[in-house]
Amino acid sequence: MPDEATTSAESSPLLAVRDVTVRFGGVVALDELSFEIREGDICGLIGPNGAGKTTCFNVISRLYEPSAGSVTFDGRDLLRLPRYAIAHVGIARTFQNLALFPSMTLLENVMVGAHSQGSVGFARAAFRLPPWGQERETRAFAYELLSQLGLADQAFRPAAGLPFGTLKRLELARALAGRPRFLLLDEPASGLTHGEVAELGDTIRRVRDSFGLTVLLVEHHMALVMGISDHVVAMDFGRKIAEGPPAQVQQDPLVIEAYLGTPA
């Protein structure tokens, strides 16, 4: 029989958002939002425009300070951490709007994502000596990430002028360069073609499995969310209106009403 400590660890969520409220003046962007994500799951966070999804992302990644509530990651209180420490505990994210460096090569863009895992000794820092061994390791790892995402053949060309779908994969590679345990994907299918969206779904599942990730996905493309998510949380006007397996949430009357504007 498993001991009590092992059972407790297995049942504890990796991420727990509890009663989080965010106010911007008189506007309540999140209203006592609560949900949990188990380690290894892909969780879809859905809702119409203005539901509060990105605000939730910004609280978890410490860009916004909530008015009330708590956020814990692997038992650690995230709200007590400074913003710069989020990457160090194993959290990475992408953004709705690409934040890449157009003049840098794809390889260099990915290497930037690994900066949070880098370290140099006191002597090297004091004398400004380059950490050559570390840079070689980072470069090799960045190239491997590009290979896994089908971008190795473009590794040494600038990001400027590349197709949107390619840049989306590049941003994903850069997020993975930080070796995260928990990955937040903010509308990764935005601007992609139908074929690219299908490929993206396969890619997200593959990197989840390959890197042992837990994923929180904000997305308007319902076929993508319902096709790859283990768990779905639906929001409207800053509140959670449904939660559960994709098929269950998809049929929830409150979710249908939120999207269609009429009762189911």
C-alpha atoms as a PDB file:
ATOM      1  CA  MET A   1       0.000   0.000   0.000  1.00  0.00           C
ATOM      2  CA  PRO A   2       1.490   3.446  -0.956  1.00  0.00           C
ATOM      3  CA  ASP A   3       2.405   5.613   2.004  1.00  0.00           C
ATOM      4  CA  GLU A   4       0.403   8.724   2.815  1.00  0.00           C
ATOM      5  CA  ALA A   5       3.117  11.152   1.672  1.00  0.00           C
ATOM      6  CA  THR A   6       3.394   9.511  -1.778  1.00  0.00           C
ATOM      7  CA  THR A   7      -0.383   9.533  -2.264  1.00  0.00           C
ATOM      8  CA  SER A   8      -0.560  13.197  -1.256  1.00  0.00           C
ATOM      9  CA  ALA A   9       2.239  14.171  -3.671  1.00  0.00           C
ATOM     10  CA  GLU A  10       0.586  12.322  -6.568  1.00  0.00           C
ATOM     11  CA  SER A  11      -2.794  13.963  -5.921  1.00  0.00           C
ATOM     12  CA  SER A  12      -1.464  17.512  -5.472  1.00  0.00           C
ATOM     13  CA  PRO A  13      -1.878  19.785  -8.513  1.00  0.00           C
ATOM     14  CA  LEU A  14       1.201  21.266 -10.134  1.00  0.00           C
ATOM     15  CA  LEU A  15      -0.563  24.634 -10.478  1.00  0.00           C
ATOM     16  CA  ALA A  16      -3.365  25.864  -8.232  1.00  0.00           C
ATOM     17  CA  VAL A  17      -5.171  29.168  -8.850  1.00  0.00           C
ATOM     18  CA  ARG A  18      -7.441  29.939  -5.909  1.00  0.00           C
ATOM     19  CA  ASP A  19      -9.952  32.803  -5.619  1.00  0.00           C
ATOM     20  CA  VAL A  20      -7.863  35.153  -7.752  1.00  0.00           C
ATOM     21  CA  THR A  21      -9.357  38.593  -8.279  1.00  0.00           C
ATOM     22  CA  VAL A  22      -7.881  41.344 -10.464  1.00  0.00           C
ATOM     23  CA  ARG A  23      -9.309  44.865 -10.608  1.00  0.00           C
ATOM     24  CA  PHE A  24      -8.322  47.667 -12.942  1.00  0.00           C
ATOM     25  CA  GLY A  25      -9.961  50.665 -11.324  1.00  0.00           C
ATOM     26  CA  GLY A  26     -13.667  49.845 -11.314  1.00  0.00           C
ATOM     27  CA  VAL A  27     -13.299  46.985 -13.804  1.00  0.00           C
ATOM     28  CA  VAL A  28     -13.128  43.447 -12.404  1.00  0.00           C
ATOM     29  CA  ALA A  29     -11.012  41.482 -14.891  1.00  0.00           C
ATOM     30  CA  LEU A  30     -10.874  38.286 -12.780  1.00  0.00           C
ATOM     31  CA  ASP A  31     -13.562  37.506 -10.225  1.00  0.00           C
ATOM     32  CA  GLU A  32     -12.541  34.879  -7.646  1.00  0.00           C
ATOM     33  CA  LEU A  33     -11.152  32.557 -10.315  1.00  0.00           C
ATOM     34  CA  SER A  34     -10.124  29.069  -9.145  1.00  0.00           C
ATOM     35  CA  PHE A  35      -8.827  26.017 -11.008  1.00  0.00           C
ATOM     36  CA  GLU A  36      -6.067  23.412 -10.786  1.00  0.00           C
ATOM     37  CA  ILE A  37      -3.812  21.673 -13.304  1.00  0.00           C
ATOM     38  CA  ARG A  38      -2.285  18.250 -12.755  1.00  0.00           C
ATOM     39  CA  GLU A  39       1.299  17.590 -13.760  1.00  0.00           C
ATOM     40  CA  GLY A  40       1.579  16.337 -17.341  1.00  0.00           C
ATOM     41  CA  ASP A  41      -1.833  17.635 -18.445  1.00  0.00           C
ATOM     42  CA  ILE A  42      -2.684  20.018 -21.256  1.00  0.00           C
ATOM     43  CA  CYS A  43      -5.312  22.401 -19.880  1.00  0.00           C
ATOM     44  CA  GLY A  44      -7.310  24.587 -22.273  1.00  0.00           C
ATOM     45  CA  LEU A  45      -8.457  27.986 -20.992  1.00  0.00           C
ATOM     46  CA  ILE A  46     -11.322  29.224 -23.170  1.00  0.00           C
ATOM     47  CA  GLY A  47     -13.857  32.020 -23.285  1.00  0.00           C
ATOM     48  CA  PRO A  48     -15.053  34.858 -25.521  1.00  0.00           C
ATOM     49  CA  ASN A  49     -13.048  38.066 -25.954  1.00  0.00           C
ATOM     50  CA  GLY A  50     -12.817  39.941 -22.677  1.00  0.00           C
ATOM     51  CA  ALA A  51     -13.367  36.842 -20.552  1.00  0.00           C
ATOM     52  CA  GLY A  52     -10.106  37.392 -18.650  1.00  0.00           C
ATOM     53  CA  LYS A  53      -7.953  34.626 -20.120  1.00  0.00           C
ATOM     54  CA  THR A  54      -4.886  36.735 -20.847  1.00  0.00           C
ATOM     55  CA  THR A  55      -5.254  38.498 -17.495  1.00  0.00           C
ATOM     56  CA  CYS A  56      -5.086  35.064 -15.870  1.00  0.00           C
ATOM     57  CA  PHE A  57      -1.921  34.296 -17.859  1.00  0.00           C
ATOM     58  CA  ASN A  58      -0.399  37.582 -16.765  1.00  0.00           C
ATOM     59  CA  VAL A  59      -1.087  36.815 -13.104  1.00  0.00           C
ATOM     60  CA  ILE A  60       0.526  33.368 -13.336  1.00  0.00           C
ATOM     61  CA  SER A  61       3.581  34.781 -15.132  1.00  0.00           C
ATOM     62  CA  ARG A  62       3.745  37.655 -12.574  1.00  0.00           C
ATOM     63  CA  LEU A  63       3.115  40.492 -15.029  1.00  0.00           C
ATOM     64  CA  TYR A  64      -0.003  41.456 -13.047  1.00  0.00           C
ATOM     65  CA  GLU A  65      -0.444  41.592  -9.289  1.00  0.00           C
ATOM     66  CA  PRO A  66      -3.850  40.231  -8.203  1.00  0.00           C
ATOM     67  CA  SER A  67      -6.050  42.134  -5.775  1.00  0.00           C
ATOM     68  CA  ALA A  68      -6.816  38.923  -3.892  1.00  0.00           C
ATOM     69  CA  GLY A  69      -6.272  35.173  -4.047  1.00  0.00           C
ATOM     70  CA  SER A  70      -3.305  32.832  -4.339  1.00  0.00           C
ATOM     71  CA  VAL A  71      -1.321  31.023  -7.053  1.00  0.00           C
ATOM     72  CA  THR A  72       0.885  28.080  -6.139  1.00  0.00           C
ATOM     73  CA  PHE A  73       3.243  26.124  -8.375  1.00  0.00           C
ATOM     74  CA  ASP A  74       4.517  22.793  -7.102  1.00  0.00           C
ATOM     75  CA  GLY A  75       3.595  23.941  -3.597  1.00  0.00           C
ATOM     76  CA  ARG A  76       5.466  27.254  -3.956  1.00  0.00           C
ATOM     77  CA  ASP A  77       3.673  30.586  -3.546  1.00  0.00           C
ATOM     78  CA  LEU A  78       4.237  32.278  -6.915  1.00  0.00           C
ATOM     79  CA  LEU A  79       2.932  35.627  -5.714  1.00  0.00           C
ATOM     80  CA  ARG A  80       5.848  35.917  -3.279  1.00  0.00           C
ATOM     81  CA  LEU A  81       8.395  35.535  -6.072  1.00  0.00           C
ATOM     82  CA  PRO A  82       9.868  38.510  -7.952  1.00  0.00           C
ATOM     83  CA  ARG A  83       8.962  38.585 -11.631  1.00  0.00           C
ATOM     84  CA  TYR A  84      12.467  37.671 -12.770  1.00  0.00           C
ATOM     85  CA  ALA A  85      12.376  34.428 -10.756  1.00  0.00           C
ATOM     86  CA  ILE A  86       9.496  32.839 -12.681  1.00  0.00           C
ATOM     87  CA  ALA A  87      11.780  31.261 -15.287  1.00  0.00           C
ATOM     88  CA  HIS A  88      14.024  29.861 -12.566  1.00  0.00           C
ATOM     89  CA  VAL A  89      11.169  27.849 -11.028  1.00  0.00           C
ATOM     90  CA  GLY A  90      10.368  26.301 -14.415  1.00  0.00           C
ATOM     91  CA  ILE A  91       7.670  28.481 -16.009  1.00  0.00           C
ATOM     92  CA  ALA A  92       7.843  29.804 -19.584  1.00  0.00           C
ATOM     93  CA  ARG A  93       5.300  31.431 -21.882  1.00  0.00           C
ATOM     94  CA  THR A  94       4.610  32.634 -25.382  1.00  0.00           C
ATOM     95  CA  PHE A  95       2.643  35.766 -26.285  1.00  0.00           C
ATOM     96  CA  GLN A  96      -0.258  36.639 -28.588  1.00  0.00           C
ATOM     97  CA  ASN A  97       1.997  39.084 -30.422  1.00  0.00           C
ATOM     98  CA  LEU A  98       5.349  37.699 -31.470  1.00  0.00           C
ATOM     99  CA  ALA A  99       8.228  39.160 -29.458  1.00  0.00           C
ATOM    100  CA  LEU A 100      11.122  37.923 -31.563  1.00  0.00           C
ATOM    101  CA  PHE A 101      14.279  39.712 -32.712  1.00  0.00           C
ATOM    102  CA  PRO A 102      13.907  40.085 -36.524  1.00  0.00           C
ATOM    103  CA  SER A 103      17.566  40.835 -37.269  1.00  0.00           C
ATOM    104  CA  MET A 104      18.854  37.880 -35.253  1.00  0.00           C
ATOM    105  CA  THR A 105      19.062  34.378 -36.683  1.00  0.00           C
ATOM    106  CA  LEU A 106      16.620  31.692 -35.625  1.00  0.00           C
ATOM    107  CA  LEU A 107      19.416  30.023 -33.656  1.00  0.00           C
ATOM    108  CA  GLU A 108      20.256  33.267 -31.839  1.00  0.00           C
ATOM    109  CA  ASN A 109      16.584  33.880 -31.029  1.00  0.00           C
ATOM    110  CA  VAL A 110      16.332  30.448 -29.407  1.00  0.00           C
ATOM    111  CA  MET A 111      19.579  30.960 -27.508  1.00  0.00           C
ATOM    112  CA  VAL A 112      18.106  34.102 -25.954  1.00  0.00           C
ATOM    113  CA  GLY A 113      15.447  31.890 -24.384  1.00  0.00           C
ATOM    114  CA  ALA A 114      18.116  29.922 -22.537  1.00  0.00           C
ATOM    115  CA  HIS A 115      19.542  32.939 -20.700  1.00  0.00           C
ATOM    116  CA  SER A 116      17.603  32.160 -17.497  1.00  0.00           C
ATOM    117  CA  GLN A 117      19.463  28.854 -17.159  1.00  0.00           C
ATOM    118  CA  GLY A 118      22.913  30.337 -17.711  1.00  0.00           C
ATOM    119  CA  SER A 119      25.536  31.035 -15.087  1.00  0.00           C
ATOM    120  CA  VAL A 120      29.068  32.318 -14.991  1.00  0.00           C
ATOM    121  CA  GLY A 121      31.550  32.205 -12.163  1.00  0.00           C
ATOM    122  CA  PHE A 122      32.698  35.274 -10.218  1.00  0.00           C
ATOM    123  CA  ALA A 123      36.118  35.361 -11.888  1.00  0.00           C
ATOM    124  CA  ARG A 124      34.639  35.182 -15.402  1.00  0.00           C
ATOM    125  CA  ALA A 125      32.133  37.916 -14.583  1.00  0.00           C
ATOM    126  CA  ALA A 126      34.776  40.144 -12.979  1.00  0.00           C
ATOM    127  CA  PHE A 127      37.198  39.852 -15.898  1.00  0.00           C
ATOM    128  CA  ARG A 128      34.451  39.665 -18.555  1.00  0.00           C
ATOM    129  CA  LEU A 129      35.695  36.321 -19.808  1.00  0.00           C
ATOM    130  CA  PRO A 130      33.235  34.597 -22.157  1.00  0.00           C
ATOM    131  CA  PRO A 131      31.837  31.259 -20.870  1.00  0.00           C
ATOM    132  CA  TRP A 132      32.774  29.387 -24.059  1.00  0.00           C
ATOM    133  CA  GLY A 133      31.801  25.920 -22.856  1.00  0.00           C
ATOM    134  CA  GLN A 134      28.401  27.082 -21.687  1.00  0.00           C
ATOM    135  CA  GLU A 135      27.773  28.925 -24.953  1.00  0.00           C
ATOM    136  CA  ARG A 136      28.632  25.803 -26.974  1.00  0.00           C
ATOM    137  CA  GLU A 137      26.179  23.767 -24.916  1.00  0.00           C
ATOM    138  CA  THR A 138      23.466  26.415 -25.309  1.00  0.00           C
ATOM    139  CA  ARG A 139      24.050  26.626 -29.063  1.00  0.00           C
ATOM    140  CA  ALA A 140      23.859  22.830 -29.421  1.00  0.00           C
ATOM    141  CA  PHE A 141      20.658  22.652 -27.381  1.00  0.00           C
ATOM    142  CA  ALA A 142      19.086  25.530 -29.352  1.00  0.00           C
ATOM    143  CA  TYR A 143      19.925  23.804 -32.628  1.00  0.00           C
ATOM    144  CA  GLU A 144      18.392  20.556 -31.345  1.00  0.00           C
ATOM    145  CA  LEU A 145      15.175  22.423 -30.488  1.00  0.00           C
ATOM    146  CA  LEU A 146      15.035  23.918 -33.971  1.00  0.00           C
ATOM    147  CA  SER A 147      15.537  20.426 -35.404  1.00  0.00           C
ATOM    148  CA  GLN A 148      12.679  19.022 -33.351  1.00  0.00           C
ATOM    149  CA  LEU A 149      10.394  21.786 -34.613  1.00  0.00           C
ATOM    150  CA  GLY A 150      11.432  21.374 -38.245  1.00  0.00           C
ATOM    151  CA  LEU A 151      13.449  24.601 -38.430  1.00  0.00           C
ATOM    152  CA  ALA A 152      17.050  23.352 -38.531  1.00  0.00           C
ATOM    153  CA  ASP A 153      17.436  24.161 -42.231  1.00  0.00           C
ATOM    154  CA  GLN A 154      16.752  27.849 -41.471  1.00  0.00           C
ATOM    155  CA  ALA A 155      18.766  28.070 -38.242  1.00  0.00           C
ATOM    156  CA  PHE A 156      21.298  30.583 -39.574  1.00  0.00           C
ATOM    157  CA  ARG A 157      19.005  32.962 -41.405  1.00  0.00           C
ATOM    158  CA  PRO A 158      17.406  36.071 -39.834  1.00  0.00           C
ATOM    159  CA  ALA A 159      13.872  35.799 -38.494  1.00  0.00           C
ATOM    160  CA  ALA A 160      12.762  38.806 -40.561  1.00  0.00           C
ATOM    161  CA  GLY A 161      10.466  37.982 -43.456  1.00  0.00           C
ATOM    162  CA  LEU A 162       9.688  34.381 -42.495  1.00  0.00           C
ATOM    163  CA  PRO A 163       6.103  33.056 -42.716  1.00  0.00           C
ATOM    164  CA  PHE A 164       3.945  33.571 -39.634  1.00  0.00           C
ATOM    165  CA  GLY A 165       3.622  29.844 -38.986  1.00  0.00           C
ATOM    166  CA  THR A 166       7.412  29.485 -38.956  1.00  0.00           C
ATOM    167  CA  LEU A 167       7.748  32.367 -36.491  1.00  0.00           C
ATOM    168  CA  LYS A 168       5.184  30.756 -34.198  1.00  0.00           C
ATOM    169  CA  ARG A 169       7.279  27.588 -34.094  1.00  0.00           C
ATOM    170  CA  LEU A 170      10.366  29.697 -33.461  1.00  0.00           C
ATOM    171  CA  GLU A 171       8.714  31.356 -30.473  1.00  0.00           C
ATOM    172  CA  LEU A 172       7.791  27.925 -29.113  1.00  0.00           C
ATOM    173  CA  ALA A 173      11.414  26.807 -29.503  1.00  0.00           C
ATOM    174  CA  ARG A 174      12.593  29.880 -27.622  1.00  0.00           C
ATOM    175  CA  ALA A 175      10.201  29.151 -24.749  1.00  0.00           C
ATOM    176  CA  LEU A 176      11.460  25.549 -24.588  1.00  0.00           C
ATOM    177  CA  ALA A 177      15.067  26.784 -24.447  1.00  0.00           C
ATOM    178  CA  GLY A 178      14.488  27.785 -20.824  1.00  0.00           C
ATOM    179  CA  ARG A 179      13.898  24.086 -20.010  1.00  0.00           C
ATOM    180  CA  PRO A 180      10.530  24.744 -18.353  1.00  0.00           C
ATOM    181  CA  ARG A 181       8.289  22.310 -16.498  1.00  0.00           C
ATOM    182  CA  PHE A 182       5.201  24.451 -17.121  1.00  0.00           C
ATOM    183  CA  LEU A 183       4.460  26.141 -20.448  1.00  0.00           C
ATOM    184  CA  LEU A 184       1.855  28.858 -21.025  1.00  0.00           C
ATOM    185  CA  LEU A 185       0.780  29.187 -24.662  1.00  0.00           C
ATOM    186  CA  ASP A 186      -1.145  32.391 -25.402  1.00  0.00           C
ATOM    187  CA  GLU A 187      -3.213  31.927 -28.600  1.00  0.00           C
ATOM    188  CA  PRO A 188      -0.551  29.942 -30.503  1.00  0.00           C
ATOM    189  CA  ALA A 189      -2.937  29.267 -33.426  1.00  0.00           C
ATOM    190  CA  SER A 190      -3.670  32.945 -34.046  1.00  0.00           C
ATOM    191  CA  GLY A 191      -2.978  33.810 -37.695  1.00  0.00           C
ATOM    192  CA  LEU A 192      -2.270  30.227 -38.756  1.00  0.00           C
ATOM    193  CA  THR A 193      -3.852  28.412 -41.701  1.00  0.00           C
ATOM    194  CA  HIS A 194      -6.101  25.392 -41.173  1.00  0.00           C
ATOM    195  CA  GLY A 195      -3.261  23.025 -42.045  1.00  0.00           C
ATOM    196  CA  GLU A 196      -0.841  24.838 -39.735  1.00  0.00           C
ATOM    197  CA  VAL A 197      -3.335  24.601 -36.855  1.00  0.00           C
ATOM    198  CA  ALA A 198      -3.579  20.819 -37.256  1.00  0.00           C
ATOM    199  CA  GLU A 199       0.215  20.593 -37.308  1.00  0.00           C
ATOM    200  CA  LEU A 200       0.414  22.815 -34.220  1.00  0.00           C
ATOM    201  CA  GLY A 201      -1.821  20.451 -32.259  1.00  0.00           C
ATOM    202  CA  ASP A 202       0.482  17.544 -33.046  1.00  0.00           C
ATOM    203  CA  THR A 203       3.508  19.667 -32.113  1.00  0.00           C
ATOM    204  CA  ILE A 204       2.102  20.704 -28.729  1.00  0.00           C
ATOM    205  CA  ARG A 205       1.329  17.100 -27.785  1.00  0.00           C
ATOM    206  CA  ARG A 206       4.748  15.977 -28.985  1.00  0.00           C
ATOM    207  CA  VAL A 207       6.719  18.585 -27.025  1.00  0.00           C
ATOM    208  CA  ARG A 208       4.558  17.909 -23.954  1.00  0.00           C
ATOM    209  CA  ASP A 209       5.531  14.245 -24.111  1.00  0.00           C
ATOM    210  CA  SER A 210       9.171  14.781 -25.156  1.00  0.00           C
ATOM    211  CA  PHE A 211       9.983  17.394 -22.533  1.00  0.00           C
ATOM    212  CA  GLY A 212       7.699  16.182 -19.735  1.00  0.00           C
ATOM    213  CA  LEU A 213       5.743  19.433 -19.759  1.00  0.00           C
ATOM    214  CA  THR A 214       2.497  20.609 -18.250  1.00  0.00           C
ATOM    215  CA  VAL A 215       0.715  23.067 -20.567  1.00  0.00           C
ATOM    216  CA  LEU A 216      -1.844  25.839 -20.071  1.00  0.00           C
ATOM    217  CA  LEU A 217      -3.285  26.852 -23.435  1.00  0.00           C
ATOM    218  CA  VAL A 218      -5.349  29.967 -24.153  1.00  0.00           C
ATOM    219  CA  GLU A 219      -6.928  29.625 -27.567  1.00  0.00           C
ATOM    220  CA  HIS A 220     -10.005  30.657 -29.570  1.00  0.00           C
ATOM    221  CA  HIS A 221      -9.640  27.786 -32.037  1.00  0.00           C
ATOM    222  CA  MET A 222     -12.064  25.337 -30.421  1.00  0.00           C
ATOM    223  CA  ALA A 223     -11.147  22.339 -32.582  1.00  0.00           C
ATOM    224  CA  LEU A 224      -7.526  22.672 -31.436  1.00  0.00           C
ATOM    225  CA  VAL A 225      -8.416  23.080 -27.755  1.00  0.00           C
ATOM    226  CA  MET A 226     -10.913  20.225 -27.677  1.00  0.00           C
ATOM    227  CA  GLY A 227      -8.625  17.981 -29.706  1.00  0.00           C
ATOM    228  CA  ILE A 228      -5.525  18.177 -27.514  1.00  0.00           C
ATOM    229  CA  SER A 229      -6.669  19.180 -24.017  1.00  0.00           C
ATOM    230  CA  ASP A 230      -6.984  16.765 -21.114  1.00  0.00           C
ATOM    231  CA  HIS A 231      -8.935  19.346 -19.138  1.00  0.00           C
ATOM    232  CA  VAL A 232     -10.748  22.565 -20.067  1.00  0.00           C
ATOM    233  CA  VAL A 233     -11.628  25.642 -18.006  1.00  0.00           C
ATOM    234  CA  ALA A 234     -14.219  28.019 -19.498  1.00  0.00           C
ATOM    235  CA  MET A 235     -14.468  31.671 -18.470  1.00  0.00           C
ATOM    236  CA  ASP A 236     -16.817  34.579 -19.059  1.00  0.00           C
ATOM    237  CA  PHE A 237     -16.603  38.106 -17.599  1.00  0.00           C
ATOM    238  CA  GLY A 238     -13.681  37.072 -15.393  1.00  0.00           C
ATOM    239  CA  ARG A 239     -15.471  34.115 -13.788  1.00  0.00           C
ATOM    240  CA  LYS A 240     -15.174  30.391 -14.278  1.00  0.00           C
ATOM    241  CA  ILE A 241     -18.412  29.093 -15.793  1.00  0.00           C
ATOM    242  CA  ALA A 242     -17.448  25.456 -16.510  1.00  0.00           C
ATOM    243  CA  GLU A 243     -14.613  23.007 -15.958  1.00  0.00           C
ATOM    244  CA  GLY A 244     -13.964  19.392 -16.848  1.00  0.00           C
ATOM    245  CA  PRO A 245     -13.173  17.070 -19.776  1.00  0.00           C
ATOM    246  CA  PRO A 246     -13.383  18.743 -23.219  1.00  0.00           C
ATOM    247  CA  ALA A 247     -16.564  16.968 -24.342  1.00  0.00           C
ATOM    248  CA  GLN A 248     -18.359  17.894 -21.133  1.00  0.00           C
ATOM    249  CA  VAL A 249     -17.359  21.567 -21.239  1.00  0.00           C
ATOM    250  CA  GLN A 250     -18.242  21.826 -24.933  1.00  0.00           C
ATOM    251  CA  GLN A 251     -21.837  20.809 -24.170  1.00  0.00           C
ATOM    252  CA  ASP A 252     -22.251  22.988 -21.074  1.00  0.00           C
ATOM    253  CA  PRO A 253     -25.230  25.377 -21.488  1.00  0.00           C
ATOM    254  CA  LEU A 254     -23.330  28.310 -19.930  1.00  0.00           C
ATOM    255  CA  VAL A 255     -20.438  27.828 -22.373  1.00  0.00           C
ATOM    256  CA  ILE A 256     -22.791  27.677 -25.345  1.00  0.00           C
ATOM    257  CA  GLU A 257     -24.567  30.807 -24.128  1.00  0.00           C
ATOM    258  CA  ALA A 258     -21.270  32.669 -23.618  1.00  0.00           C
ATOM    259  CA  TYR A 259     -20.180  31.963 -27.205  1.00  0.00           C
ATOM    260  CA  LEU A 260     -23.524  32.219 -29.002  1.00  0.00           C
ATOM    261  CA  GLY A 261     -25.212  34.855 -26.818  1.00  0.00           C
ATOM    262  CA  THR A 262     -28.365  32.749 -26.380  1.00  0.00           C
ATOM    263  CA  PRO A 263     -29.295  29.993 -23.925  1.00  0.00           C
ATOM    264  CA  ALA A 264     -28.644  26.434 -25.156  1.00  0.00           C
END
